[in-house]
Amino acid sequence: MGVPNCPITNEPASRLIQTVPASLLERLWKHVGRTDVSDLFSGIDEFGLWEAPCGLAFFSPAIAGEDAFYRTFYGKFNAHKALKEVAPERPEYIAAAKHVAPDALVLDVGAGCGGFQQHVQHSRFTGLDPYAEPDEQALGVIREDAEAHAASHAGHYDVVSAFQVIEHTTDPVAFASTLSHMVKPGGQLILGVPLWPSPMVNCPNMLINCPPHHLTWWNEGSLEALAHRLGLEVLDIERVPPHRHHAWFHRMEQLTWVDMSREYFANRLSWHLNMAFSLPLSLLWGRFSGLPQDAAPIDIILVARKPAANGKEPDR
C-alpha cells in the first residue's frame, strides 16, 4: 500500500493510523447496519485510515455510498425523522445562524427537511438536495445537486452552507469549491462536520465513521487547511455542543472496555462482544438519561469569507 496524498493539501499522509479489511466492514454493514455494501467494495481488499499533516484523517481508497445505499441505511434507522425532530435545537444550526445577516440570500446544500431554515427566518432561504421528497420541496428545498445549481448561480448567494455533507464526498476540495463558486464576493461559506477526536469516533467498529459513509474525519487544522486551499478567510472555527440525539455516542464511549489507543476497527471477539453489549444499552441509556454532564462536542463548524471582488477562485 503506497502512501496517499491528503485530499485537501495534496501533501503525502504523515502516518498510517491502521489498515481495515474490507471484508470486516462488509460484514459489519450487513449484520449491524443491515445494509449490503458488497457491490461497492467489489475488488477492494483493505482500506487505509491515514492522518494528513493538516490533521485530517481519511480513508483510502475513498468509496462513497450512492443513492441506494443511503435510502436503505437511513430508511432502516429512520435517520431523517431523527434529524427533523432535533432541527429546532440543533447546535450547529444555532451557531451558524449567528453569522447570517438579515435579508441575506442563503443556500443550504444537502438541506434534507430544510431544518436550517427554522434558524434563519430573517433571511431569504433556499434548500438544495438531490433526493428531496415532495414534502421537503414544499418547504423550499429544490431537488437538484450542487454542481448543476452552481452552473447557473455563480456568485449568487450571501451565504452557502452544508451541514454533515462534505465528509461523505470522495473529493472534499471539489465539493467545497463548488459551494464557494456560488458565494458572492465578500459572502460566507459555512460548513458543519463531525469532529475528530470525539465520543462518536471513540467507539469501536462504529459504522457511520467508515466507508461508504464517512470518508474523512475533521478538526480545526483540517478545516483551516481547506479554507486556505479555497482562498477563503477564516472567520470562525467553533466546536459546538452536542444535542440529545448524540447521547448514545457518549454512553457507548462510557460502556466501551476494549483498547482503542491504536485502532478504531478490529475483527476481534472482544470488540464484537463490546458492540453487542454496548450498542443496545447505550441507545436505551441515552434515550432515558440524555447527555452526560459536561458532554464533549461531536460537531465543529467553519465560517469563512470569500475575498471581495479581486480575489481569484482556485481551479474547480
C-alpha atoms as a PDB file:
ATOM      1  CA  MET A   1       0.000   0.000   0.000  1.00  0.00           C
ATOM      2  CA  GLY A   2       1.527   3.274  -1.139  1.00  0.00           C
ATOM      3  CA  VAL A   3       1.275   6.491   0.846  1.00  0.00           C
ATOM      4  CA  PRO A   4      -1.705   8.513  -0.468  1.00  0.00           C
ATOM      5  CA  ASN A   5      -1.890  12.287  -0.604  1.00  0.00           C
ATOM      6  CA  CYS A   6      -4.100  14.367   1.646  1.00  0.00           C
ATOM      7  CA  PRO A   7      -7.422  15.130  -0.121  1.00  0.00           C
ATOM      8  CA  ILE A   8      -7.109  18.769   0.978  1.00  0.00           C
ATOM      9  CA  THR A   9      -3.468  19.787   0.592  1.00  0.00           C
ATOM     10  CA  ASN A  10      -2.122  17.050  -1.717  1.00  0.00           C
ATOM     11  CA  GLU A  11       0.748  16.525   0.734  1.00  0.00           C
ATOM     12  CA  PRO A  12       1.690  12.907   1.467  1.00  0.00           C
ATOM     13  CA  ALA A  13      -0.069  11.474   4.515  1.00  0.00           C
ATOM     14  CA  SER A  14       2.025  11.770   7.666  1.00  0.00           C
ATOM     15  CA  ARG A  15       1.096   8.382   9.136  1.00  0.00           C
ATOM     16  CA  LEU A  16      -0.992   5.281   8.656  1.00  0.00           C
ATOM     17  CA  ILE A  17      -3.389   5.027  11.580  1.00  0.00           C
ATOM     18  CA  GLN A  18      -4.440   1.491  10.651  1.00  0.00           C
ATOM     19  CA  THR A  19      -5.498  -0.800   7.827  1.00  0.00           C
ATOM     20  CA  VAL A  20      -9.059  -2.134   7.840  1.00  0.00           C
ATOM     21  CA  PRO A  21     -10.021  -5.304   5.932  1.00  0.00           C
ATOM     22  CA  ALA A  22     -12.847  -4.603   3.504  1.00  0.00           C
ATOM     23  CA  SER A  23     -14.348  -7.947   4.494  1.00  0.00           C
ATOM     24  CA  LEU A  24     -14.679  -6.760   8.107  1.00  0.00           C
ATOM     25  CA  LEU A  25     -16.510  -3.599   7.110  1.00  0.00           C
ATOM     26  CA  GLU A  26     -18.712  -5.532   4.707  1.00  0.00           C
ATOM     27  CA  ARG A  27     -19.765  -7.949   7.474  1.00  0.00           C
ATOM     28  CA  LEU A  28     -20.325  -5.120   9.950  1.00  0.00           C
ATOM     29  CA  TRP A  29     -22.508  -3.250   7.475  1.00  0.00           C
ATOM     30  CA  LYS A  30     -24.502  -6.423   6.804  1.00  0.00           C
ATOM     31  CA  HIS A  31     -25.057  -7.538  10.400  1.00  0.00           C
ATOM     32  CA  VAL A  32     -25.063  -4.240  12.322  1.00  0.00           C
ATOM     33  CA  GLY A  33     -26.074  -1.717   9.647  1.00  0.00           C
ATOM     34  CA  ARG A  34     -28.426  -4.152   7.904  1.00  0.00           C
ATOM     35  CA  THR A  35     -27.131  -2.855   4.562  1.00  0.00           C
ATOM     36  CA  ASP A  36     -25.356  -4.722   1.759  1.00  0.00           C
ATOM     37  CA  VAL A  37     -22.221  -2.916   0.536  1.00  0.00           C
ATOM     38  CA  SER A  38     -20.646  -5.857  -1.319  1.00  0.00           C
ATOM     39  CA  ASP A  39     -21.080  -4.235  -4.741  1.00  0.00           C
ATOM     40  CA  LEU A  40     -19.455  -1.012  -3.535  1.00  0.00           C
ATOM     41  CA  PHE A  41     -16.478  -2.888  -2.079  1.00  0.00           C
ATOM     42  CA  SER A  42     -16.004  -5.231  -5.053  1.00  0.00           C
ATOM     43  CA  GLY A  43     -12.293  -5.706  -5.822  1.00  0.00           C
ATOM     44  CA  ILE A  44     -11.116  -3.969  -2.616  1.00  0.00           C
ATOM     45  CA  ASP A  45      -9.109  -5.986  -0.083  1.00  0.00           C
ATOM     46  CA  GLU A  46      -8.468  -3.321   2.536  1.00  0.00           C
ATOM     47  CA  PHE A  47      -8.825   0.342   3.382  1.00  0.00           C
ATOM     48  CA  GLY A  48      -6.113   2.505   4.867  1.00  0.00           C
ATOM     49  CA  LEU A  49      -7.063   5.058   7.514  1.00  0.00           C
ATOM     50  CA  TRP A  50      -4.454   7.819   7.245  1.00  0.00           C
ATOM     51  CA  GLU A  51      -3.677  11.075   9.006  1.00  0.00           C
ATOM     52  CA  ALA A  52      -2.559  14.090   6.966  1.00  0.00           C
ATOM     53  CA  PRO A  53      -0.164  16.807   8.192  1.00  0.00           C
ATOM     54  CA  CYS A  54      -3.107  19.246   8.438  1.00  0.00           C
ATOM     55  CA  GLY A  55      -4.895  16.938  10.892  1.00  0.00           C
ATOM     56  CA  LEU A  56      -7.432  15.390   8.514  1.00  0.00           C
ATOM     57  CA  ALA A  57      -7.992  11.658   8.879  1.00  0.00           C
ATOM     58  CA  PHE A  58      -9.099   9.989   5.650  1.00  0.00           C
ATOM     59  CA  PHE A  59      -9.779   6.587   4.144  1.00  0.00           C
ATOM     60  CA  SER A  60      -8.028   5.353   1.031  1.00  0.00           C
ATOM     61  CA  PRO A  61      -9.496   4.250  -1.288  1.00  0.00           C
ATOM     62  CA  ALA A  62     -12.386   6.678  -0.846  1.00  0.00           C
ATOM     63  CA  ILE A  63     -15.516   4.672  -1.686  1.00  0.00           C
ATOM     64  CA  ALA A  64     -18.716   6.674  -1.282  1.00  0.00           C
ATOM     65  CA  GLY A  65     -22.247   5.402  -0.910  1.00  0.00           C
ATOM     66  CA  GLU A  66     -24.780   6.092  -3.634  1.00  0.00           C
ATOM     67  CA  ASP A  67     -28.489   6.777  -3.581  1.00  0.00           C
ATOM     68  CA  ALA A  68     -29.497   3.133  -2.973  1.00  0.00           C
ATOM     69  CA  PHE A  69     -27.089   2.802  -0.045  1.00  0.00           C
ATOM     70  CA  TYR A  70     -28.371   5.900   1.752  1.00  0.00           C
ATOM     71  CA  ARG A  71     -32.020   5.138   1.114  1.00  0.00           C
ATOM     72  CA  THR A  72     -31.545   1.633   2.545  1.00  0.00           C
ATOM     73  CA  PHE A  73     -29.369   2.540   5.527  1.00  0.00           C
ATOM     74  CA  TYR A  74     -31.162   5.732   6.575  1.00  0.00           C
ATOM     75  CA  GLY A  75     -34.539   4.139   5.928  1.00  0.00           C
ATOM     76  CA  LYS A  76     -33.881   1.227   8.275  1.00  0.00           C
ATOM     77  CA  PHE A  77     -32.995   3.547  11.149  1.00  0.00           C
ATOM     78  CA  ASN A  78     -35.414   6.452  10.444  1.00  0.00           C
ATOM     79  CA  ALA A  79     -32.451   8.815  10.277  1.00  0.00           C
ATOM     80  CA  HIS A  80     -34.317  11.629   8.533  1.00  0.00           C
ATOM     81  CA  LYS A  81     -37.076  11.555  11.137  1.00  0.00           C
ATOM     82  CA  ALA A  82     -34.495  11.903  13.918  1.00  0.00           C
ATOM     83  CA  LEU A  83     -32.817  14.839  12.160  1.00  0.00           C
ATOM     84  CA  LYS A  84     -36.160  16.546  11.623  1.00  0.00           C
ATOM     85  CA  GLU A  85     -37.060  16.172  15.301  1.00  0.00           C
ATOM     86  CA  VAL A  86     -33.815  17.697  16.518  1.00  0.00           C
ATOM     87  CA  ALA A  87     -33.657  20.531  13.931  1.00  0.00           C
ATOM     88  CA  PRO A  88     -35.165  23.224  16.220  1.00  0.00           C
ATOM     89  CA  GLU A  89     -32.421  22.659  18.827  1.00  0.00           C
ATOM     90  CA  ARG A  90     -29.521  21.575  16.626  1.00  0.00           C
ATOM     91  CA  PRO A  91     -26.454  23.417  17.979  1.00  0.00           C
ATOM     92  CA  GLU A  92     -24.597  23.714  14.663  1.00  0.00           C
ATOM     93  CA  TYR A  93     -27.634  25.437  13.151  1.00  0.00           C
ATOM     94  CA  ILE A  94     -27.822  27.803  16.112  1.00  0.00           C
ATOM     95  CA  ALA A  95     -24.098  28.616  15.889  1.00  0.00           C
ATOM     96  CA  ALA A  96     -24.192  29.109  12.116  1.00  0.00           C
ATOM     97  CA  ALA A  97     -27.309  31.293  12.179  1.00  0.00           C
ATOM     98  CA  LYS A  98     -25.420  33.940  14.172  1.00  0.00           C
ATOM     99  CA  HIS A  99     -23.393  34.636  11.028  1.00  0.00           C
ATOM    100  CA  VAL A 100     -26.402  35.149   8.723  1.00  0.00           C
ATOM    101  CA  ALA A 101     -27.371  38.805   8.263  1.00  0.00           C
ATOM    102  CA  PRO A 102     -30.998  39.951   7.901  1.00  0.00           C
ATOM    103  CA  ASP A 103     -32.366  39.516   4.370  1.00  0.00           C
ATOM    104  CA  ALA A 104     -29.280  37.539   3.274  1.00  0.00           C
ATOM    105  CA  LEU A 105     -29.638  35.145   0.350  1.00  0.00           C
ATOM    106  CA  VAL A 106     -28.914  31.718   1.865  1.00  0.00           C
ATOM    107  CA  LEU A 107     -28.380  28.381   0.125  1.00  0.00           C
ATOM    108  CA  ASP A 108     -28.204  25.256   2.284  1.00  0.00           C
ATOM    109  CA  VAL A 109     -26.768  22.286   0.373  1.00  0.00           C
ATOM    110  CA  GLY A 110     -27.839  18.826   1.479  1.00  0.00           C
ATOM    111  CA  ALA A 111     -30.760  20.549   3.180  1.00  0.00           C
ATOM    112  CA  GLY A 112     -32.902  17.459   3.781  1.00  0.00           C
ATOM    113  CA  CYS A 113     -36.067  18.656   5.512  1.00  0.00           C
ATOM    114  CA  GLY A 114     -34.847  22.258   5.443  1.00  0.00           C
ATOM    115  CA  GLY A 115     -34.152  22.356   9.175  1.00  0.00           C
ATOM    116  CA  PHE A 116     -31.664  25.225   8.948  1.00  0.00           C
ATOM    117  CA  GLN A 117     -34.439  27.473   7.631  1.00  0.00           C
ATOM    118  CA  GLN A 118     -36.038  27.491  11.097  1.00  0.00           C
ATOM    119  CA  HIS A 119     -32.972  29.321  12.409  1.00  0.00           C
ATOM    120  CA  VAL A 120     -32.591  31.866   9.587  1.00  0.00           C
ATOM    121  CA  GLN A 121     -36.156  33.058   9.081  1.00  0.00           C
ATOM    122  CA  HIS A 122     -34.742  36.573   8.832  1.00  0.00           C
ATOM    123  CA  SER A 123     -33.072  35.534   5.561  1.00  0.00           C
ATOM    124  CA  ARG A 124     -34.178  34.522   2.055  1.00  0.00           C
ATOM    125  CA  PHE A 125     -33.625  30.785   2.232  1.00  0.00           C
ATOM    126  CA  THR A 126     -33.230  28.131  -0.449  1.00  0.00           C
ATOM    127  CA  GLY A 127     -32.521  24.487   0.288  1.00  0.00           C
ATOM    128  CA  LEU A 128     -30.814  22.149  -2.159  1.00  0.00           C
ATOM    129  CA  ASP A 129     -30.972  18.364  -2.048  1.00  0.00           C
ATOM    130  CA  PRO A 130     -30.881  15.932  -4.987  1.00  0.00           C
ATOM    131  CA  TYR A 131     -33.031  13.482  -3.008  1.00  0.00           C
ATOM    132  CA  ALA A 132     -35.649  15.966  -1.758  1.00  0.00           C
ATOM    133  CA  GLU A 133     -39.081  14.430  -1.235  1.00  0.00           C
ATOM    134  CA  PRO A 134     -42.294  16.302  -2.193  1.00  0.00           C
ATOM    135  CA  ASP A 135     -42.934  17.455   1.395  1.00  0.00           C
ATOM    136  CA  GLU A 136     -39.385  18.806   1.594  1.00  0.00           C
ATOM    137  CA  GLN A 137     -39.773  20.589  -1.744  1.00  0.00           C
ATOM    138  CA  ALA A 138     -42.881  22.249  -0.332  1.00  0.00           C
ATOM    139  CA  LEU A 139     -40.609  23.742   2.363  1.00  0.00           C
ATOM    140  CA  GLY A 140     -38.424  25.419  -0.257  1.00  0.00           C
ATOM    141  CA  VAL A 141     -35.919  22.621  -0.912  1.00  0.00           C
ATOM    142  CA  ILE A 142     -35.006  22.258  -4.590  1.00  0.00           C
ATOM    143  CA  ARG A 143     -34.386  18.735  -5.930  1.00  0.00           C
ATOM    144  CA  GLU A 144     -31.037  19.406  -7.622  1.00  0.00           C
ATOM    145  CA  ASP A 145     -27.373  18.635  -6.998  1.00  0.00           C
ATOM    146  CA  ALA A 146     -24.765  21.259  -6.166  1.00  0.00           C
ATOM    147  CA  GLU A 147     -22.870  21.029  -9.483  1.00  0.00           C
ATOM    148  CA  ALA A 148     -25.995  21.630 -11.545  1.00  0.00           C
ATOM    149  CA  HIS A 149     -27.106  24.536  -9.349  1.00  0.00           C
ATOM    150  CA  ALA A 150     -23.648  26.117  -9.377  1.00  0.00           C
ATOM    151  CA  ALA A 151     -23.630  26.209 -13.174  1.00  0.00           C
ATOM    152  CA  SER A 152     -26.399  28.815 -13.151  1.00  0.00           C
ATOM    153  CA  HIS A 153     -25.800  30.520  -9.784  1.00  0.00           C
ATOM    154  CA  ALA A 154     -22.180  31.656  -9.765  1.00  0.00           C
ATOM    155  CA  GLY A 155     -21.595  34.322  -7.080  1.00  0.00           C
ATOM    156  CA  HIS A 156     -25.307  34.438  -6.313  1.00  0.00           C
ATOM    157  CA  TYR A 157     -25.634  33.835  -2.552  1.00  0.00           C
ATOM    158  CA  ASP A 158     -24.567  35.792   0.516  1.00  0.00           C
ATOM    159  CA  VAL A 159     -24.218  32.539   2.469  1.00  0.00           C
ATOM    160  CA  VAL A 160     -23.791  28.955   1.266  1.00  0.00           C
ATOM    161  CA  SER A 161     -23.908  26.270   3.943  1.00  0.00           C
ATOM    162  CA  ALA A 162     -23.589  22.499   4.104  1.00  0.00           C
ATOM    163  CA  PHE A 163     -24.036  20.543   7.326  1.00  0.00           C
ATOM    164  CA  GLN A 164     -22.805  16.949   7.645  1.00  0.00           C
ATOM    165  CA  VAL A 165     -22.234  16.581   3.898  1.00  0.00           C
ATOM    166  CA  ILE A 166     -18.577  17.092   2.970  1.00  0.00           C
ATOM    167  CA  GLU A 167     -17.366  14.069   4.976  1.00  0.00           C
ATOM    168  CA  HIS A 168     -19.434  11.864   2.636  1.00  0.00           C
ATOM    169  CA  THR A 169     -17.683  13.096  -0.534  1.00  0.00           C
ATOM    170  CA  THR A 170     -14.728  11.496  -2.305  1.00  0.00           C
ATOM    171  CA  ASP A 171     -13.230  14.904  -3.188  1.00  0.00           C
ATOM    172  CA  PRO A 172     -13.870  17.441  -0.395  1.00  0.00           C
ATOM    173  CA  VAL A 173     -11.952  20.229  -2.153  1.00  0.00           C
ATOM    174  CA  ALA A 174     -14.012  19.891  -5.339  1.00  0.00           C
ATOM    175  CA  PHE A 175     -17.235  19.857  -3.329  1.00  0.00           C
ATOM    176  CA  ALA A 176     -16.279  22.875  -1.200  1.00  0.00           C
ATOM    177  CA  SER A 177     -15.044  24.712  -4.304  1.00  0.00           C
ATOM    178  CA  THR A 178     -18.436  24.187  -5.938  1.00  0.00           C
ATOM    179  CA  LEU A 179     -20.088  25.710  -2.879  1.00  0.00           C
ATOM    180  CA  SER A 180     -17.644  28.623  -2.814  1.00  0.00           C
ATOM    181  CA  HIS A 181     -18.324  29.239  -6.510  1.00  0.00           C
ATOM    182  CA  MET A 182     -21.923  30.138  -5.579  1.00  0.00           C
ATOM    183  CA  VAL A 183     -20.892  32.614  -2.849  1.00  0.00           C
ATOM    184  CA  LYS A 184     -20.844  36.324  -3.644  1.00  0.00           C
ATOM    185  CA  PRO A 185     -17.524  38.146  -3.212  1.00  0.00           C
ATOM    186  CA  GLY A 186     -17.481  39.097   0.464  1.00  0.00           C
ATOM    187  CA  GLY A 187     -20.018  36.384   1.260  1.00  0.00           C
ATOM    188  CA  GLN A 188     -19.615  33.387   3.535  1.00  0.00           C
ATOM    189  CA  LEU A 189     -19.214  29.640   3.292  1.00  0.00           C
ATOM    190  CA  ILE A 190     -20.374  27.677   6.364  1.00  0.00           C
ATOM    191  CA  LEU A 191     -19.560  24.004   6.831  1.00  0.00           C
ATOM    192  CA  GLY A 192     -20.608  21.720   9.670  1.00  0.00           C
ATOM    193  CA  VAL A 193     -18.748  18.412  10.085  1.00  0.00           C
ATOM    194  CA  PRO A 194     -18.262  15.670  12.685  1.00  0.00           C
ATOM    195  CA  LEU A 195     -15.304  16.323  14.981  1.00  0.00           C
ATOM    196  CA  TRP A 196     -12.248  14.099  15.361  1.00  0.00           C
ATOM    197  CA  PRO A 197     -11.380  13.077  18.038  1.00  0.00           C
ATOM    198  CA  SER A 198     -14.759  12.938  19.753  1.00  0.00           C
ATOM    199  CA  PRO A 199     -17.036  10.445  21.526  1.00  0.00           C
ATOM    200  CA  MET A 200     -18.539   9.485  18.155  1.00  0.00           C
ATOM    201  CA  VAL A 201     -15.145   8.326  16.905  1.00  0.00           C
ATOM    202  CA  ASN A 202     -14.095   6.772  20.204  1.00  0.00           C
ATOM    203  CA  CYS A 203     -16.496   3.841  19.841  1.00  0.00           C
ATOM    204  CA  PRO A 204     -15.117   0.561  18.415  1.00  0.00           C
ATOM    205  CA  ASN A 205     -16.250  -0.554  14.944  1.00  0.00           C
ATOM    206  CA  MET A 206     -18.546   2.480  14.609  1.00  0.00           C
ATOM    207  CA  LEU A 207     -20.002   2.018  11.122  1.00  0.00           C
ATOM    208  CA  ILE A 208     -21.012   5.593  10.395  1.00  0.00           C
ATOM    209  CA  ASN A 209     -17.327   6.606  10.665  1.00  0.00           C
ATOM    210  CA  CYS A 210     -16.132   4.438   7.769  1.00  0.00           C
ATOM    211  CA  PRO A 211     -16.721   3.870   4.039  1.00  0.00           C
ATOM    212  CA  PRO A 212     -19.065   4.075   2.319  1.00  0.00           C
ATOM    213  CA  HIS A 213     -20.472   6.596   4.827  1.00  0.00           C
ATOM    214  CA  HIS A 214     -17.876   8.937   6.360  1.00  0.00           C
ATOM    215  CA  LEU A 215     -14.702   9.112   4.266  1.00  0.00           C
ATOM    216  CA  THR A 216     -12.968  11.925   6.171  1.00  0.00           C
ATOM    217  CA  TRP A 217     -12.633  12.947   9.839  1.00  0.00           C
ATOM    218  CA  TRP A 218     -12.250  16.666  10.599  1.00  0.00           C
ATOM    219  CA  ASN A 219     -10.798  19.054  13.175  1.00  0.00           C
ATOM    220  CA  GLU A 220      -9.616  22.670  13.406  1.00  0.00           C
ATOM    221  CA  GLY A 221      -6.422  22.114  11.429  1.00  0.00           C
ATOM    222  CA  SER A 222      -8.109  20.374   8.523  1.00  0.00           C
ATOM    223  CA  LEU A 223     -10.874  22.990   8.265  1.00  0.00           C
ATOM    224  CA  GLU A 224      -8.297  25.766   8.297  1.00  0.00           C
ATOM    225  CA  ALA A 225      -6.344  23.965   5.566  1.00  0.00           C
ATOM    226  CA  LEU A 226      -9.497  23.632   3.459  1.00  0.00           C
ATOM    227  CA  ALA A 227     -10.263  27.355   3.768  1.00  0.00           C
ATOM    228  CA  HIS A 228      -6.665  28.172   2.805  1.00  0.00           C
ATOM    229  CA  ARG A 229      -6.844  25.865  -0.211  1.00  0.00           C
ATOM    230  CA  LEU A 230     -10.001  27.650  -1.384  1.00  0.00           C
ATOM    231  CA  GLY A 231      -8.527  31.105  -0.807  1.00  0.00           C
ATOM    232  CA  LEU A 232     -11.049  31.920   1.927  1.00  0.00           C
ATOM    233  CA  GLU A 233     -10.559  33.939   5.110  1.00  0.00           C
ATOM    234  CA  VAL A 234     -11.409  32.019   8.269  1.00  0.00           C
ATOM    235  CA  LEU A 235     -13.876  33.980  10.397  1.00  0.00           C
ATOM    236  CA  ASP A 236     -14.661  31.298  12.940  1.00  0.00           C
ATOM    237  CA  ILE A 237     -13.991  27.650  13.722  1.00  0.00           C
ATOM    238  CA  GLU A 238     -16.173  26.506  16.598  1.00  0.00           C
ATOM    239  CA  ARG A 239     -16.741  23.224  18.395  1.00  0.00           C
ATOM    240  CA  VAL A 240     -20.469  23.147  19.050  1.00  0.00           C
ATOM    241  CA  PRO A 241     -22.212  21.429  21.984  1.00  0.00           C
ATOM    242  CA  PRO A 242     -23.793  18.003  21.405  1.00  0.00           C
ATOM    243  CA  HIS A 243     -27.566  17.593  21.111  1.00  0.00           C
ATOM    244  CA  ARG A 244     -29.817  14.956  22.667  1.00  0.00           C
ATOM    245  CA  HIS A 245     -29.575  12.558  19.714  1.00  0.00           C
ATOM    246  CA  HIS A 246     -25.824  12.397  20.382  1.00  0.00           C
ATOM    247  CA  ALA A 247     -26.377  10.949  23.854  1.00  0.00           C
ATOM    248  CA  TRP A 248     -25.910   7.346  22.775  1.00  0.00           C
ATOM    249  CA  PHE A 249     -22.418   8.067  21.409  1.00  0.00           C
ATOM    250  CA  HIS A 250     -21.388   9.385  24.806  1.00  0.00           C
ATOM    251  CA  ARG A 251     -22.978   6.465  26.626  1.00  0.00           C
ATOM    252  CA  MET A 252     -21.385   3.951  24.252  1.00  0.00           C
ATOM    253  CA  GLU A 253     -17.978   5.530  24.817  1.00  0.00           C
ATOM    254  CA  GLN A 254     -18.548   5.129  28.572  1.00  0.00           C
ATOM    255  CA  LEU A 255     -19.516   1.455  28.118  1.00  0.00           C
ATOM    256  CA  THR A 256     -16.543   0.558  25.898  1.00  0.00           C
ATOM    257  CA  TRP A 257     -13.930  -1.700  27.515  1.00  0.00           C
ATOM    258  CA  VAL A 258     -11.654  -2.503  24.553  1.00  0.00           C
ATOM    259  CA  ASP A 259      -8.342  -0.716  23.974  1.00  0.00           C
ATOM    260  CA  MET A 260      -8.737   1.796  21.127  1.00  0.00           C
ATOM    261  CA  SER A 261      -5.381   3.503  21.562  1.00  0.00           C
ATOM    262  CA  ARG A 262      -4.028   2.113  18.276  1.00  0.00           C
ATOM    263  CA  GLU A 263      -7.074   1.338  16.124  1.00  0.00           C
ATOM    264  CA  TYR A 264     -10.745   2.090  15.579  1.00  0.00           C
ATOM    265  CA  PHE A 265     -11.809  -1.089  13.764  1.00  0.00           C
ATOM    266  CA  ALA A 266     -10.847  -4.669  14.597  1.00  0.00           C
ATOM    267  CA  ASN A 267     -12.055  -8.193  13.887  1.00  0.00           C
ATOM    268  CA  ARG A 268     -11.734  -9.486  17.457  1.00  0.00           C
ATOM    269  CA  LEU A 269     -14.223 -11.361  19.607  1.00  0.00           C
ATOM    270  CA  SER A 270     -13.839  -8.824  22.431  1.00  0.00           C
ATOM    271  CA  TRP A 271     -14.708  -5.981  20.036  1.00  0.00           C
ATOM    272  CA  HIS A 272     -17.767  -7.792  18.667  1.00  0.00           C
ATOM    273  CA  LEU A 273     -18.949  -8.597  22.191  1.00  0.00           C
ATOM    274  CA  ASN A 274     -18.391  -4.968  23.150  1.00  0.00           C
ATOM    275  CA  MET A 275     -20.603  -3.885  20.248  1.00  0.00           C
ATOM    276  CA  ALA A 276     -23.311  -6.458  21.017  1.00  0.00           C
ATOM    277  CA  PHE A 277     -23.442  -5.308  24.645  1.00  0.00           C
ATOM    278  CA  SER A 278     -22.843  -1.579  24.451  1.00  0.00           C
ATOM    279  CA  LEU A 279     -24.866  -0.603  21.361  1.00  0.00           C
ATOM    280  CA  PRO A 280     -28.379  -1.557  22.562  1.00  0.00           C
ATOM    281  CA  LEU A 281     -27.621  -0.494  26.138  1.00  0.00           C
ATOM    282  CA  SER A 282     -26.244   2.879  25.043  1.00  0.00           C
ATOM    283  CA  LEU A 283     -29.323   3.535  22.901  1.00  0.00           C
ATOM    284  CA  LEU A 284     -31.591   2.886  25.886  1.00  0.00           C
ATOM    285  CA  TRP A 285     -29.371   4.739  28.345  1.00  0.00           C
ATOM    286  CA  GLY A 286     -29.064   7.719  26.027  1.00  0.00           C
ATOM    287  CA  ARG A 287     -32.786   7.826  25.376  1.00  0.00           C
ATOM    288  CA  PHE A 288     -33.818   7.834  29.023  1.00  0.00           C
ATOM    289  CA  SER A 289     -30.874   9.587  30.683  1.00  0.00           C
ATOM    290  CA  GLY A 290     -29.837  12.024  27.977  1.00  0.00           C
ATOM    291  CA  LEU A 291     -26.384  13.526  27.674  1.00  0.00           C
ATOM    292  CA  PRO A 292     -23.800  13.105  30.431  1.00  0.00           C
ATOM    293  CA  GLN A 293     -22.890  16.211  32.384  1.00  0.00           C
ATOM    294  CA  ASP A 294     -20.232  18.232  30.529  1.00  0.00           C
ATOM    295  CA  ALA A 295     -20.679  16.082  27.396  1.00  0.00           C
ATOM    296  CA  ALA A 296     -17.899  16.705  24.878  1.00  0.00           C
ATOM    297  CA  PRO A 297     -18.599  18.231  21.429  1.00  0.00           C
ATOM    298  CA  ILE A 298     -19.213  15.928  18.488  1.00  0.00           C
ATOM    299  CA  ASP A 299     -19.524  18.549  15.702  1.00  0.00           C
ATOM    300  CA  ILE A 300     -17.457  21.501  14.555  1.00  0.00           C
ATOM    301  CA  ILE A 301     -18.279  24.346  12.136  1.00  0.00           C
ATOM    302  CA  LEU A 302     -16.213  26.504   9.818  1.00  0.00           C
ATOM    303  CA  VAL A 303     -17.281  30.017   8.832  1.00  0.00           C
ATOM    304  CA  ALA A 304     -15.111  31.514   6.079  1.00  0.00           C
ATOM    305  CA  ARG A 305     -15.369  34.652   3.949  1.00  0.00           C
ATOM    306  CA  LYS A 306     -14.834  34.795   0.193  1.00  0.00           C
ATOM    307  CA  PRO A 307     -12.492  37.622  -0.816  1.00  0.00           C
ATOM    308  CA  ALA A 308     -14.153  40.721  -2.203  1.00  0.00           C
ATOM    309  CA  ALA A 309     -14.099  41.247  -5.963  1.00  0.00           C
ATOM    310  CA  ASN A 310     -10.367  40.980  -6.756  1.00  0.00           C
ATOM    311  CA  GLY A 311      -9.919  37.514  -5.202  1.00  0.00           C
ATOM    312  CA  LYS A 312      -9.249  34.719  -7.621  1.00  0.00           C
ATOM    313  CA  GLU A 313     -11.020  31.423  -7.119  1.00  0.00           C
ATOM    314  CA  PRO A 314      -8.993  28.220  -7.256  1.00  0.00           C
ATOM    315  CA  ASP A 315      -9.481  25.889 -10.216  1.00  0.00           C
ATOM    316  CA  ARG A 316     -12.622  23.810  -9.897  1.00  0.00           C
END
